[in-house]
Amino acid sequence: MPKIKEIERTPNPDAMRFVLAEPLTNGVTRSFENSGEAEGDELASALFKIDHVINVYYVDRYVTVTQDGNAVWSELLRKLAPPIRQSKAQENVEEDDEVHATKEVQESDDPRLIQINQLLDEQVRPYLLADGGGLKILGLDGNRLKVHYQGACGTCPTATSGTLYAIESMVKRIDPEIQVISV
């Protein structure tokens, strides 16, 4: 049963990150944007049953819960803590093959996409994870790179401005014509 060591604010005022004493997964990232996606996942399903929860994202010792902005955190935290404490470490859980990039992106032989994904793995995703979220590449349509923010980053005001601009600046080193779009 995971013990909650800390509860941290994220840059997104509608998301909180729970830091656990022991890992839920060993490097496997889980991202859910609604209760339908959470079917079969005990922790995410339990959290989505709580009013105002709109996103659940977890990996290793971190669980990020995003609310709809209509709940008072002090009240919501009291409801979120029990299911997180009662969750069990997930052994032999398989990574969602498309958690960081769609199959189309993974199977692409476009050298730009390969470089961009590597760049994001090395220079962007670790920082987003530290803020309770992640980033998925949806595809490259001509010179338009479509990305999708996950976890706390999904509804964060800075994700669609500052972070997106920073990502686009990095990607332009690979190809100056690429425009990054968050969907």
N, C-alpha and C. Protein backbone atom coordinates (compact mmCIF):
# COMPACT_ATOMS: atom_id res chain seq x y z
N MET A 1 0.86 -1.18 0.00
CA MET A 1 0.00 0.00 0.00
C MET A 1 0.90 1.24 0.00
N PRO A 2 0.85 2.06 -1.04
CA PRO A 2 1.72 3.23 -1.12
C PRO A 2 1.41 4.29 -0.07
N LYS A 3 2.46 4.76 0.52
CA LYS A 3 2.33 5.86 1.48
C LYS A 3 2.58 7.16 0.72
N ILE A 4 1.75 8.15 0.98
CA ILE A 4 1.94 9.45 0.34
C ILE A 4 2.98 10.22 1.14
N LYS A 5 4.12 10.51 0.51
CA LYS A 5 5.18 11.27 1.18
C LYS A 5 4.90 12.76 1.15
N GLU A 6 4.46 13.22 0.00
CA GLU A 6 4.22 14.66 -0.19
C GLU A 6 3.10 14.87 -1.19
N ILE A 7 2.49 16.03 -1.08
CA ILE A 7 1.53 16.47 -2.10
C ILE A 7 2.07 17.81 -2.59
N GLU A 8 2.33 17.87 -3.89
CA GLU A 8 2.97 19.06 -4.46
C GLU A 8 2.06 19.79 -5.43
N ARG A 9 2.13 21.09 -5.39
CA ARG A 9 1.46 21.89 -6.41
C ARG A 9 2.25 21.75 -7.70
N THR A 10 1.56 21.92 -8.79
CA THR A 10 2.20 21.91 -10.11
C THR A 10 2.03 23.32 -10.70
N PRO A 11 2.67 23.63 -11.80
CA PRO A 11 2.43 24.93 -12.43
C PRO A 11 0.97 25.12 -12.85
N ASN A 12 0.24 24.02 -13.00
CA ASN A 12 -1.18 24.08 -13.33
C ASN A 12 -1.97 24.19 -12.03
N PRO A 13 -2.70 25.27 -11.82
CA PRO A 13 -3.45 25.42 -10.58
C PRO A 13 -4.55 24.38 -10.39
N ASP A 14 -4.91 23.66 -11.46
CA ASP A 14 -5.95 22.64 -11.37
C ASP A 14 -5.39 21.23 -11.24
N ALA A 15 -4.09 21.09 -10.98
CA ALA A 15 -3.49 19.76 -10.84
C ALA A 15 -2.58 19.70 -9.62
N MET A 16 -2.60 18.55 -8.97
CA MET A 16 -1.73 18.28 -7.83
C MET A 16 -1.00 16.97 -8.10
N ARG A 17 0.23 16.91 -7.59
CA ARG A 17 1.04 15.71 -7.76
C ARG A 17 1.29 15.08 -6.40
N PHE A 18 0.99 13.80 -6.30
CA PHE A 18 1.23 13.03 -5.09
C PHE A 18 2.56 12.30 -5.27
N VAL A 19 3.46 12.45 -4.32
CA VAL A 19 4.74 11.76 -4.34
C VAL A 19 4.62 10.60 -3.36
N LEU A 20 4.87 9.40 -3.83
CA LEU A 20 4.70 8.19 -3.03
C LEU A 20 6.03 7.68 -2.49
N ALA A 21 5.98 6.95 -1.39
CA ALA A 21 7.17 6.37 -0.78
C ALA A 21 7.71 5.20 -1.61
N GLU A 22 6.83 4.53 -2.34
CA GLU A 22 7.24 3.41 -3.17
C GLU A 22 6.56 3.51 -4.53
N PRO A 23 7.17 2.93 -5.55
CA PRO A 23 6.61 3.09 -6.90
C PRO A 23 5.35 2.27 -7.13
N LEU A 24 4.45 2.84 -7.92
CA LEU A 24 3.28 2.11 -8.41
C LEU A 24 3.66 1.29 -9.64
N THR A 25 4.50 1.88 -10.47
CA THR A 25 4.97 1.22 -11.68
C THR A 25 6.48 1.37 -11.72
N ASN A 26 7.12 0.52 -12.44
CA ASN A 26 8.56 0.63 -12.60
C ASN A 26 8.87 1.21 -13.97
N GLY A 27 8.69 2.52 -14.06
CA GLY A 27 9.00 3.22 -15.30
C GLY A 27 7.87 3.26 -16.31
N VAL A 28 6.77 2.59 -16.02
CA VAL A 28 5.64 2.56 -16.95
C VAL A 28 4.76 3.78 -16.70
N THR A 29 4.46 4.51 -17.76
CA THR A 29 3.63 5.71 -17.67
C THR A 29 2.20 5.34 -18.01
N ARG A 30 1.27 5.85 -17.21
CA ARG A 30 -0.16 5.63 -17.45
C ARG A 30 -0.83 6.99 -17.52
N SER A 31 -1.63 7.22 -18.56
CA SER A 31 -2.29 8.50 -18.78
C SER A 31 -3.74 8.27 -19.16
N PHE A 32 -4.66 8.90 -18.42
CA PHE A 32 -6.09 8.72 -18.65
C PHE A 32 -6.78 10.07 -18.68
N GLU A 33 -7.58 10.31 -19.71
CA GLU A 33 -8.27 11.58 -19.85
C GLU A 33 -9.76 11.51 -19.55
N ASN A 34 -10.23 10.30 -19.23
CA ASN A 34 -11.64 10.15 -18.84
C ASN A 34 -11.83 8.76 -18.25
N SER A 35 -13.00 8.56 -17.65
CA SER A 35 -13.28 7.29 -16.98
C SER A 35 -13.32 6.12 -17.96
N GLY A 36 -13.73 6.36 -19.20
CA GLY A 36 -13.75 5.30 -20.20
C GLY A 36 -12.36 4.75 -20.47
N GLU A 37 -11.39 5.64 -20.59
CA GLU A 37 -10.01 5.22 -20.82
C GLU A 37 -9.45 4.48 -19.61
N ALA A 38 -10.00 4.76 -18.43
CA ALA A 38 -9.48 4.19 -17.19
C ALA A 38 -10.03 2.80 -16.89
N GLU A 39 -10.97 2.32 -17.70
CA GLU A 39 -11.52 0.99 -17.46
C GLU A 39 -10.40 -0.03 -17.40
N GLY A 40 -10.44 -0.87 -16.39
CA GLY A 40 -9.41 -1.88 -16.23
C GLY A 40 -8.23 -1.41 -15.40
N ASP A 41 -8.17 -0.13 -15.08
CA ASP A 41 -7.11 0.38 -14.22
C ASP A 41 -7.76 0.76 -12.88
N GLU A 42 -7.43 0.00 -11.85
CA GLU A 42 -8.08 0.17 -10.55
C GLU A 42 -7.92 1.57 -9.97
N LEU A 43 -6.69 2.07 -9.97
CA LEU A 43 -6.43 3.39 -9.38
C LEU A 43 -7.14 4.49 -10.15
N ALA A 44 -6.94 4.53 -11.45
CA ALA A 44 -7.54 5.60 -12.25
C ALA A 44 -9.07 5.54 -12.18
N SER A 45 -9.63 4.36 -12.22
CA SER A 45 -11.09 4.22 -12.13
C SER A 45 -11.60 4.77 -10.82
N ALA A 46 -10.91 4.44 -9.72
CA ALA A 46 -11.33 4.93 -8.39
C ALA A 46 -11.24 6.46 -8.33
N LEU A 47 -10.21 7.03 -8.92
CA LEU A 47 -10.05 8.49 -8.89
C LEU A 47 -11.10 9.19 -9.75
N PHE A 48 -11.45 8.61 -10.88
CA PHE A 48 -12.47 9.22 -11.75
C PHE A 48 -13.86 9.17 -11.13
N LYS A 49 -14.07 8.30 -10.15
CA LYS A 49 -15.37 8.25 -9.46
C LYS A 49 -15.56 9.46 -8.54
N ILE A 50 -14.49 10.18 -8.29
CA ILE A 50 -14.55 11.36 -7.42
C ILE A 50 -14.94 12.57 -8.28
N ASP A 51 -15.96 13.28 -7.83
CA ASP A 51 -16.41 14.46 -8.57
C ASP A 51 -15.27 15.41 -8.84
N HIS A 52 -15.27 16.00 -10.01
CA HIS A 52 -14.35 17.05 -10.47
C HIS A 52 -13.04 16.52 -11.05
N VAL A 53 -12.75 15.22 -10.93
CA VAL A 53 -11.51 14.68 -11.50
C VAL A 53 -11.68 14.55 -13.01
N ILE A 54 -10.75 15.15 -13.77
CA ILE A 54 -10.84 15.11 -15.23
C ILE A 54 -9.62 14.45 -15.89
N ASN A 55 -8.57 14.17 -15.11
CA ASN A 55 -7.38 13.56 -15.70
C ASN A 55 -6.58 12.87 -14.60
N VAL A 56 -6.04 11.70 -14.94
CA VAL A 56 -5.16 10.96 -14.02
C VAL A 56 -3.93 10.56 -14.82
N TYR A 57 -2.76 10.84 -14.25
CA TYR A 57 -1.49 10.55 -14.91
C TYR A 57 -0.54 10.03 -13.84
N TYR A 58 0.05 8.86 -14.08
CA TYR A 58 1.01 8.39 -13.08
C TYR A 58 2.14 7.58 -13.70
N VAL A 59 3.26 7.63 -13.00
CA VAL A 59 4.46 6.90 -13.38
C VAL A 59 5.34 6.78 -12.14
N ASP A 60 5.91 5.62 -11.94
CA ASP A 60 6.79 5.34 -10.80
C ASP A 60 6.17 5.78 -9.48
N ARG A 61 6.75 6.80 -8.85
CA ARG A 61 6.31 7.26 -7.52
C ARG A 61 5.43 8.50 -7.59
N TYR A 62 4.92 8.82 -8.74
CA TYR A 62 4.18 10.06 -8.91
C TYR A 62 2.78 9.81 -9.46
N VAL A 63 1.79 10.43 -8.83
CA VAL A 63 0.41 10.39 -9.31
C VAL A 63 -0.05 11.83 -9.44
N THR A 64 -0.46 12.24 -10.63
CA THR A 64 -0.97 13.59 -10.83
C THR A 64 -2.46 13.49 -11.13
N VAL A 65 -3.22 14.29 -10.41
CA VAL A 65 -4.66 14.34 -10.60
C VAL A 65 -5.02 15.78 -10.98
N THR A 66 -5.79 15.91 -12.06
CA THR A 66 -6.24 17.22 -12.52
C THR A 66 -7.75 17.30 -12.30
N GLN A 67 -8.16 18.44 -11.78
CA GLN A 67 -9.59 18.68 -11.55
C GLN A 67 -10.12 19.69 -12.55
N ASP A 68 -11.43 19.85 -12.55
CA ASP A 68 -12.08 20.74 -13.52
C ASP A 68 -12.06 22.21 -13.12
N GLY A 69 -11.47 22.54 -11.99
CA GLY A 69 -11.38 23.93 -11.54
C GLY A 69 -12.55 24.35 -10.67
N ASN A 70 -13.48 23.44 -10.42
CA ASN A 70 -14.67 23.78 -9.64
C ASN A 70 -14.64 23.22 -8.22
N ALA A 71 -13.56 22.58 -7.83
CA ALA A 71 -13.45 22.01 -6.49
C ALA A 71 -12.44 22.80 -5.67
N VAL A 72 -12.61 22.76 -4.37
CA VAL A 72 -11.66 23.36 -3.44
C VAL A 72 -10.62 22.27 -3.14
N TRP A 73 -9.35 22.58 -3.36
CA TRP A 73 -8.31 21.56 -3.22
C TRP A 73 -8.30 20.92 -1.84
N SER A 74 -8.46 21.69 -0.79
CA SER A 74 -8.39 21.11 0.56
C SER A 74 -9.44 20.02 0.74
N GLU A 75 -10.61 20.19 0.16
CA GLU A 75 -11.67 19.18 0.25
C GLU A 75 -11.39 18.01 -0.70
N LEU A 76 -10.96 18.32 -1.90
CA LEU A 76 -10.71 17.28 -2.89
C LEU A 76 -9.55 16.37 -2.48
N LEU A 77 -8.51 16.94 -1.90
CA LEU A 77 -7.36 16.14 -1.49
C LEU A 77 -7.75 15.07 -0.49
N ARG A 78 -8.68 15.38 0.41
CA ARG A 78 -9.14 14.39 1.40
C ARG A 78 -9.84 13.22 0.72
N LYS A 79 -10.45 13.45 -0.43
CA LYS A 79 -11.13 12.38 -1.16
C LYS A 79 -10.16 11.58 -2.04
N LEU A 80 -9.14 12.25 -2.53
CA LEU A 80 -8.18 11.60 -3.42
C LEU A 80 -7.19 10.70 -2.68
N ALA A 81 -6.83 11.09 -1.48
CA ALA A 81 -5.79 10.36 -0.74
C ALA A 81 -6.13 8.88 -0.49
N PRO A 82 -7.35 8.54 -0.03
CA PRO A 82 -7.62 7.11 0.25
C PRO A 82 -7.41 6.17 -0.94
N PRO A 83 -7.97 6.46 -2.13
CA PRO A 83 -7.72 5.52 -3.23
C PRO A 83 -6.24 5.43 -3.62
N ILE A 84 -5.52 6.52 -3.47
CA ILE A 84 -4.09 6.48 -3.79
C ILE A 84 -3.37 5.62 -2.75
N ARG A 85 -3.68 5.80 -1.49
CA ARG A 85 -3.06 4.99 -0.43
C ARG A 85 -3.41 3.51 -0.58
N GLN A 86 -4.61 3.21 -1.03
CA GLN A 86 -5.07 1.82 -1.14
C GLN A 86 -4.57 1.13 -2.41
N SER A 87 -4.02 1.87 -3.33
CA SER A 87 -3.56 1.26 -4.58
C SER A 87 -2.34 0.37 -4.31
N LYS A 88 -2.19 -0.58 -5.18
CA LYS A 88 -1.09 -1.53 -5.04
C LYS A 88 -0.10 -1.33 -6.18
N ALA A 89 1.15 -1.67 -5.89
CA ALA A 89 2.17 -1.61 -6.94
C ALA A 89 1.73 -2.52 -8.07
N GLN A 90 1.91 -2.04 -9.29
CA GLN A 90 1.48 -2.79 -10.46
C GLN A 90 2.68 -3.50 -11.07
N GLU A 91 2.67 -4.81 -10.91
CA GLU A 91 3.76 -5.60 -11.48
C GLU A 91 3.33 -6.12 -12.85
N ASN A 92 4.27 -6.27 -13.71
CA ASN A 92 4.04 -6.78 -15.06
C ASN A 92 3.03 -5.96 -15.85
N VAL A 93 2.86 -4.67 -15.48
CA VAL A 93 1.97 -3.81 -16.25
C VAL A 93 2.73 -3.38 -17.50
N GLU A 94 2.04 -3.44 -18.61
CA GLU A 94 2.69 -3.08 -19.88
C GLU A 94 2.46 -1.61 -20.19
N GLU A 95 3.50 -1.00 -20.70
CA GLU A 95 3.42 0.40 -21.13
C GLU A 95 2.43 0.50 -22.29
N ASP A 96 1.63 1.53 -22.27
CA ASP A 96 0.78 1.84 -23.41
C ASP A 96 1.74 2.20 -24.53
N ASP A 97 1.72 1.42 -25.59
CA ASP A 97 2.67 1.63 -26.69
C ASP A 97 2.62 3.04 -27.26
N GLU A 98 1.48 3.70 -27.06
CA GLU A 98 1.32 5.01 -27.67
C GLU A 98 1.31 6.14 -26.63
N VAL A 99 1.89 5.93 -25.46
CA VAL A 99 1.83 6.96 -24.42
C VAL A 99 2.67 8.18 -24.79
N HIS A 100 3.76 7.99 -25.55
CA HIS A 100 4.62 9.12 -25.91
C HIS A 100 4.54 9.49 -27.39
N ALA A 101 4.04 8.57 -28.20
CA ALA A 101 3.92 8.82 -29.64
C ALA A 101 2.96 7.80 -30.24
N THR A 102 2.18 8.24 -31.22
CA THR A 102 1.26 7.32 -31.89
C THR A 102 2.05 6.26 -32.65
N LYS A 103 1.37 5.17 -32.99
CA LYS A 103 2.02 4.11 -33.78
C LYS A 103 2.55 4.66 -35.10
N GLU A 104 1.77 5.55 -35.71
CA GLU A 104 2.18 6.17 -36.97
C GLU A 104 3.53 6.88 -36.81
N VAL A 105 3.69 7.60 -35.71
CA VAL A 105 4.94 8.30 -35.45
C VAL A 105 6.06 7.30 -35.19
N GLN A 106 5.78 6.29 -34.39
CA GLN A 106 6.80 5.29 -34.05
C GLN A 106 7.29 4.52 -35.28
N GLU A 107 6.38 4.29 -36.22
CA GLU A 107 6.73 3.51 -37.41
C GLU A 107 7.25 4.37 -38.56
N SER A 108 7.25 5.67 -38.36
CA SER A 108 7.68 6.58 -39.41
C SER A 108 9.19 6.47 -39.64
N ASP A 109 9.58 6.60 -40.89
CA ASP A 109 11.01 6.64 -41.19
C ASP A 109 11.47 8.07 -41.51
N ASP A 110 10.61 9.05 -41.20
CA ASP A 110 10.96 10.45 -41.39
C ASP A 110 12.04 10.81 -40.37
N PRO A 111 13.23 11.14 -40.82
CA PRO A 111 14.32 11.43 -39.90
C PRO A 111 14.01 12.59 -38.95
N ARG A 112 13.16 13.51 -39.41
CA ARG A 112 12.79 14.64 -38.54
C ARG A 112 12.02 14.14 -37.32
N LEU A 113 11.07 13.24 -37.54
CA LEU A 113 10.27 12.71 -36.43
C LEU A 113 11.14 11.93 -35.45
N ILE A 114 12.06 11.16 -35.97
CA ILE A 114 12.97 10.38 -35.12
C ILE A 114 13.79 11.33 -34.25
N GLN A 115 14.34 12.37 -34.85
CA GLN A 115 15.13 13.35 -34.11
C GLN A 115 14.28 14.12 -33.10
N ILE A 116 13.08 14.49 -33.50
CA ILE A 116 12.19 15.25 -32.62
C ILE A 116 11.83 14.42 -31.40
N ASN A 117 11.48 13.16 -31.60
CA ASN A 117 11.10 12.30 -30.48
C ASN A 117 12.27 12.12 -29.52
N GLN A 118 13.47 11.95 -30.08
CA GLN A 118 14.67 11.82 -29.24
C GLN A 118 14.92 13.11 -28.46
N LEU A 119 14.78 14.25 -29.13
CA LEU A 119 14.95 15.55 -28.49
C LEU A 119 13.96 15.72 -27.33
N LEU A 120 12.71 15.36 -27.57
CA LEU A 120 11.69 15.47 -26.53
C LEU A 120 12.01 14.54 -25.35
N ASP A 121 12.45 13.32 -25.65
CA ASP A 121 12.83 12.38 -24.59
C ASP A 121 13.95 12.92 -23.71
N GLU A 122 14.91 13.58 -24.34
CA GLU A 122 16.09 14.03 -23.61
C GLU A 122 15.91 15.40 -22.96
N GLN A 123 15.20 16.32 -23.63
CA GLN A 123 15.20 17.70 -23.16
C GLN A 123 13.85 18.26 -22.71
N VAL A 124 12.77 17.56 -22.96
CA VAL A 124 11.47 18.12 -22.63
C VAL A 124 10.70 17.23 -21.65
N ARG A 125 10.52 15.97 -21.99
CA ARG A 125 9.68 15.09 -21.17
C ARG A 125 10.13 14.98 -19.72
N PRO A 126 11.43 14.94 -19.41
CA PRO A 126 11.82 14.88 -17.99
C PRO A 126 11.35 16.10 -17.20
N TYR A 127 11.35 17.26 -17.82
CA TYR A 127 10.90 18.47 -17.12
C TYR A 127 9.38 18.50 -16.97
N LEU A 128 8.68 18.02 -17.99
CA LEU A 128 7.23 17.95 -17.88
C LEU A 128 6.84 16.94 -16.80
N LEU A 129 7.55 15.83 -16.73
CA LEU A 129 7.28 14.84 -15.69
C LEU A 129 7.48 15.43 -14.31
N ALA A 130 8.50 16.24 -14.15
CA ALA A 130 8.75 16.89 -12.85
C ALA A 130 7.61 17.82 -12.46
N ASP A 131 6.86 18.30 -13.45
CA ASP A 131 5.70 19.16 -13.19
C ASP A 131 4.39 18.38 -13.20
N GLY A 132 4.48 17.03 -13.29
CA GLY A 132 3.28 16.21 -13.20
C GLY A 132 2.61 15.88 -14.52
N GLY A 133 3.36 15.94 -15.62
CA GLY A 133 2.74 15.65 -16.90
C GLY A 133 3.68 15.08 -17.93
N GLY A 134 3.20 15.04 -19.15
CA GLY A 134 3.97 14.48 -20.24
C GLY A 134 3.54 15.07 -21.57
N LEU A 135 4.09 14.51 -22.66
CA LEU A 135 3.82 15.01 -24.00
C LEU A 135 3.81 13.84 -24.97
N LYS A 136 2.79 13.80 -25.80
CA LYS A 136 2.64 12.75 -26.82
C LYS A 136 2.71 13.40 -28.19
N ILE A 137 3.47 12.79 -29.09
CA ILE A 137 3.51 13.25 -30.48
C ILE A 137 2.40 12.54 -31.23
N LEU A 138 1.52 13.32 -31.84
CA LEU A 138 0.40 12.75 -32.60
C LEU A 138 0.75 12.55 -34.07
N GLY A 139 1.64 13.38 -34.59
CA GLY A 139 2.01 13.22 -35.98
C GLY A 139 2.64 14.46 -36.56
N LEU A 140 3.20 14.29 -37.75
CA LEU A 140 3.80 15.39 -38.50
C LEU A 140 3.09 15.42 -39.85
N ASP A 141 2.30 16.46 -40.04
CA ASP A 141 1.53 16.62 -41.26
C ASP A 141 2.17 17.76 -42.04
N GLY A 142 2.97 17.40 -43.03
CA GLY A 142 3.75 18.41 -43.75
C GLY A 142 4.77 19.00 -42.80
N ASN A 143 4.61 20.27 -42.49
CA ASN A 143 5.50 20.93 -41.53
C ASN A 143 4.78 21.28 -40.23
N ARG A 144 3.67 20.61 -39.97
CA ARG A 144 2.90 20.86 -38.74
C ARG A 144 3.04 19.65 -37.80
N LEU A 145 3.76 19.84 -36.71
CA LEU A 145 3.93 18.80 -35.71
C LEU A 145 2.80 18.94 -34.69
N LYS A 146 2.00 17.89 -34.57
CA LYS A 146 0.88 17.90 -33.62
C LYS A 146 1.29 17.16 -32.36
N VAL A 147 1.14 17.85 -31.22
CA VAL A 147 1.48 17.25 -29.93
C VAL A 147 0.27 17.35 -29.00
N HIS A 148 0.27 16.49 -28.00
CA HIS A 148 -0.82 16.48 -27.02
C HIS A 148 -0.20 16.41 -25.63
N TYR A 149 -0.53 17.41 -24.81
CA TYR A 149 -0.04 17.43 -23.43
C TYR A 149 -0.84 16.46 -22.58
N GLN A 150 -0.16 15.83 -21.61
CA GLN A 150 -0.77 14.85 -20.74
C GLN A 150 -0.65 15.30 -19.28
N GLY A 151 -1.48 14.71 -18.43
CA GLY A 151 -1.41 14.99 -17.00
C GLY A 151 -1.63 16.45 -16.70
N ALA A 152 -0.87 16.98 -15.75
CA ALA A 152 -1.01 18.38 -15.35
C ALA A 152 -0.79 19.33 -16.51
N CYS A 153 -0.02 18.92 -17.48
CA CYS A 153 0.28 19.79 -18.62
C CYS A 153 -0.92 19.97 -19.55
N GLY A 154 -1.86 19.03 -19.50
CA GLY A 154 -2.99 19.05 -20.41
C GLY A 154 -3.86 20.29 -20.34
N THR A 155 -4.05 20.82 -19.14
CA THR A 155 -4.89 22.01 -19.00
C THR A 155 -4.11 23.18 -18.40
N CYS A 156 -2.79 23.08 -18.43
CA CYS A 156 -1.96 24.13 -17.84
C CYS A 156 -1.87 25.33 -18.77
N PRO A 157 -2.11 26.53 -18.25
CA PRO A 157 -2.03 27.72 -19.08
C PRO A 157 -0.64 27.94 -19.71
N THR A 158 0.43 27.56 -19.01
CA THR A 158 1.76 27.78 -19.57
C THR A 158 2.12 26.77 -20.66
N ALA A 159 1.42 25.63 -20.70
CA ALA A 159 1.73 24.62 -21.71
C ALA A 159 1.43 25.12 -23.11
N THR A 160 0.34 25.86 -23.25
CA THR A 160 -0.03 26.32 -24.58
C THR A 160 0.66 27.62 -24.98
N SER A 161 1.45 28.16 -24.09
CA SER A 161 2.18 29.37 -24.44
C SER A 161 3.68 29.13 -24.30
N GLY A 162 4.22 29.33 -23.13
CA GLY A 162 5.67 29.25 -22.93
C GLY A 162 6.29 27.93 -23.30
N THR A 163 5.72 26.84 -22.81
CA THR A 163 6.30 25.52 -23.08
C THR A 163 6.21 25.18 -24.56
N LEU A 164 5.08 25.46 -25.16
CA LEU A 164 4.90 25.18 -26.58
C LEU A 164 5.90 25.98 -27.42
N TYR A 165 6.10 27.23 -27.05
CA TYR A 165 7.06 28.08 -27.75
C TYR A 165 8.48 27.52 -27.61
N ALA A 166 8.82 27.06 -26.41
CA ALA A 166 10.15 26.49 -26.17
C ALA A 166 10.36 25.21 -27.00
N ILE A 167 9.33 24.38 -27.05
CA ILE A 167 9.42 23.15 -27.85
C ILE A 167 9.59 23.50 -29.32
N GLU A 168 8.81 24.45 -29.80
CA GLU A 168 8.92 24.84 -31.21
C GLU A 168 10.32 25.38 -31.51
N SER A 169 10.88 26.16 -30.59
CA SER A 169 12.24 26.69 -30.80
C SER A 169 13.25 25.56 -30.93
N MET A 170 13.12 24.52 -30.10
CA MET A 170 14.04 23.38 -30.17
C MET A 170 13.85 22.61 -31.48
N VAL A 171 12.59 22.40 -31.84
CA VAL A 171 12.27 21.64 -33.05
C VAL A 171 12.77 22.37 -34.30
N LYS A 172 12.74 23.68 -34.28
CA LYS A 172 13.20 24.47 -35.43
C LYS A 172 14.69 24.28 -35.70
N ARG A 173 15.45 23.79 -34.71
CA ARG A 173 16.86 23.47 -34.95
C ARG A 173 16.98 22.24 -35.85
N ILE A 174 15.95 21.39 -35.81
CA ILE A 174 15.93 20.20 -36.66
C ILE A 174 15.42 20.58 -38.04
N ASP A 175 14.34 21.37 -38.08
CA ASP A 175 13.79 21.85 -39.35
C ASP A 175 13.12 23.20 -39.08
N PRO A 176 13.70 24.28 -39.61
CA PRO A 176 13.18 25.63 -39.34
C PRO A 176 11.76 25.87 -39.83
N GLU A 177 11.24 25.00 -40.69
CA GLU A 177 9.90 25.18 -41.24
C GLU A 177 8.79 24.58 -40.38
N ILE A 178 9.16 23.79 -39.39
CA ILE A 178 8.15 23.08 -38.58
C ILE A 178 7.45 24.05 -37.62
N GLN A 179 6.14 23.90 -37.59
CA GLN A 179 5.29 24.65 -36.65
C GLN A 179 4.71 23.60 -35.70
N VAL A 180 4.75 23.87 -34.39
CA VAL A 180 4.24 22.94 -33.38
C VAL A 180 2.87 23.39 -32.95
N ILE A 181 1.92 22.46 -32.97
CA ILE A 181 0.53 22.75 -32.62
C ILE A 181 0.08 21.78 -31.52
N SER A 182 -0.50 22.33 -30.48
CA SER A 182 -1.03 21.52 -29.38
C SER A 182 -2.50 21.22 -29.65
N VAL A 183 -2.85 19.94 -29.61
CA VAL A 183 -4.24 19.53 -29.81
C VAL A 183 -4.71 18.67 -28.63
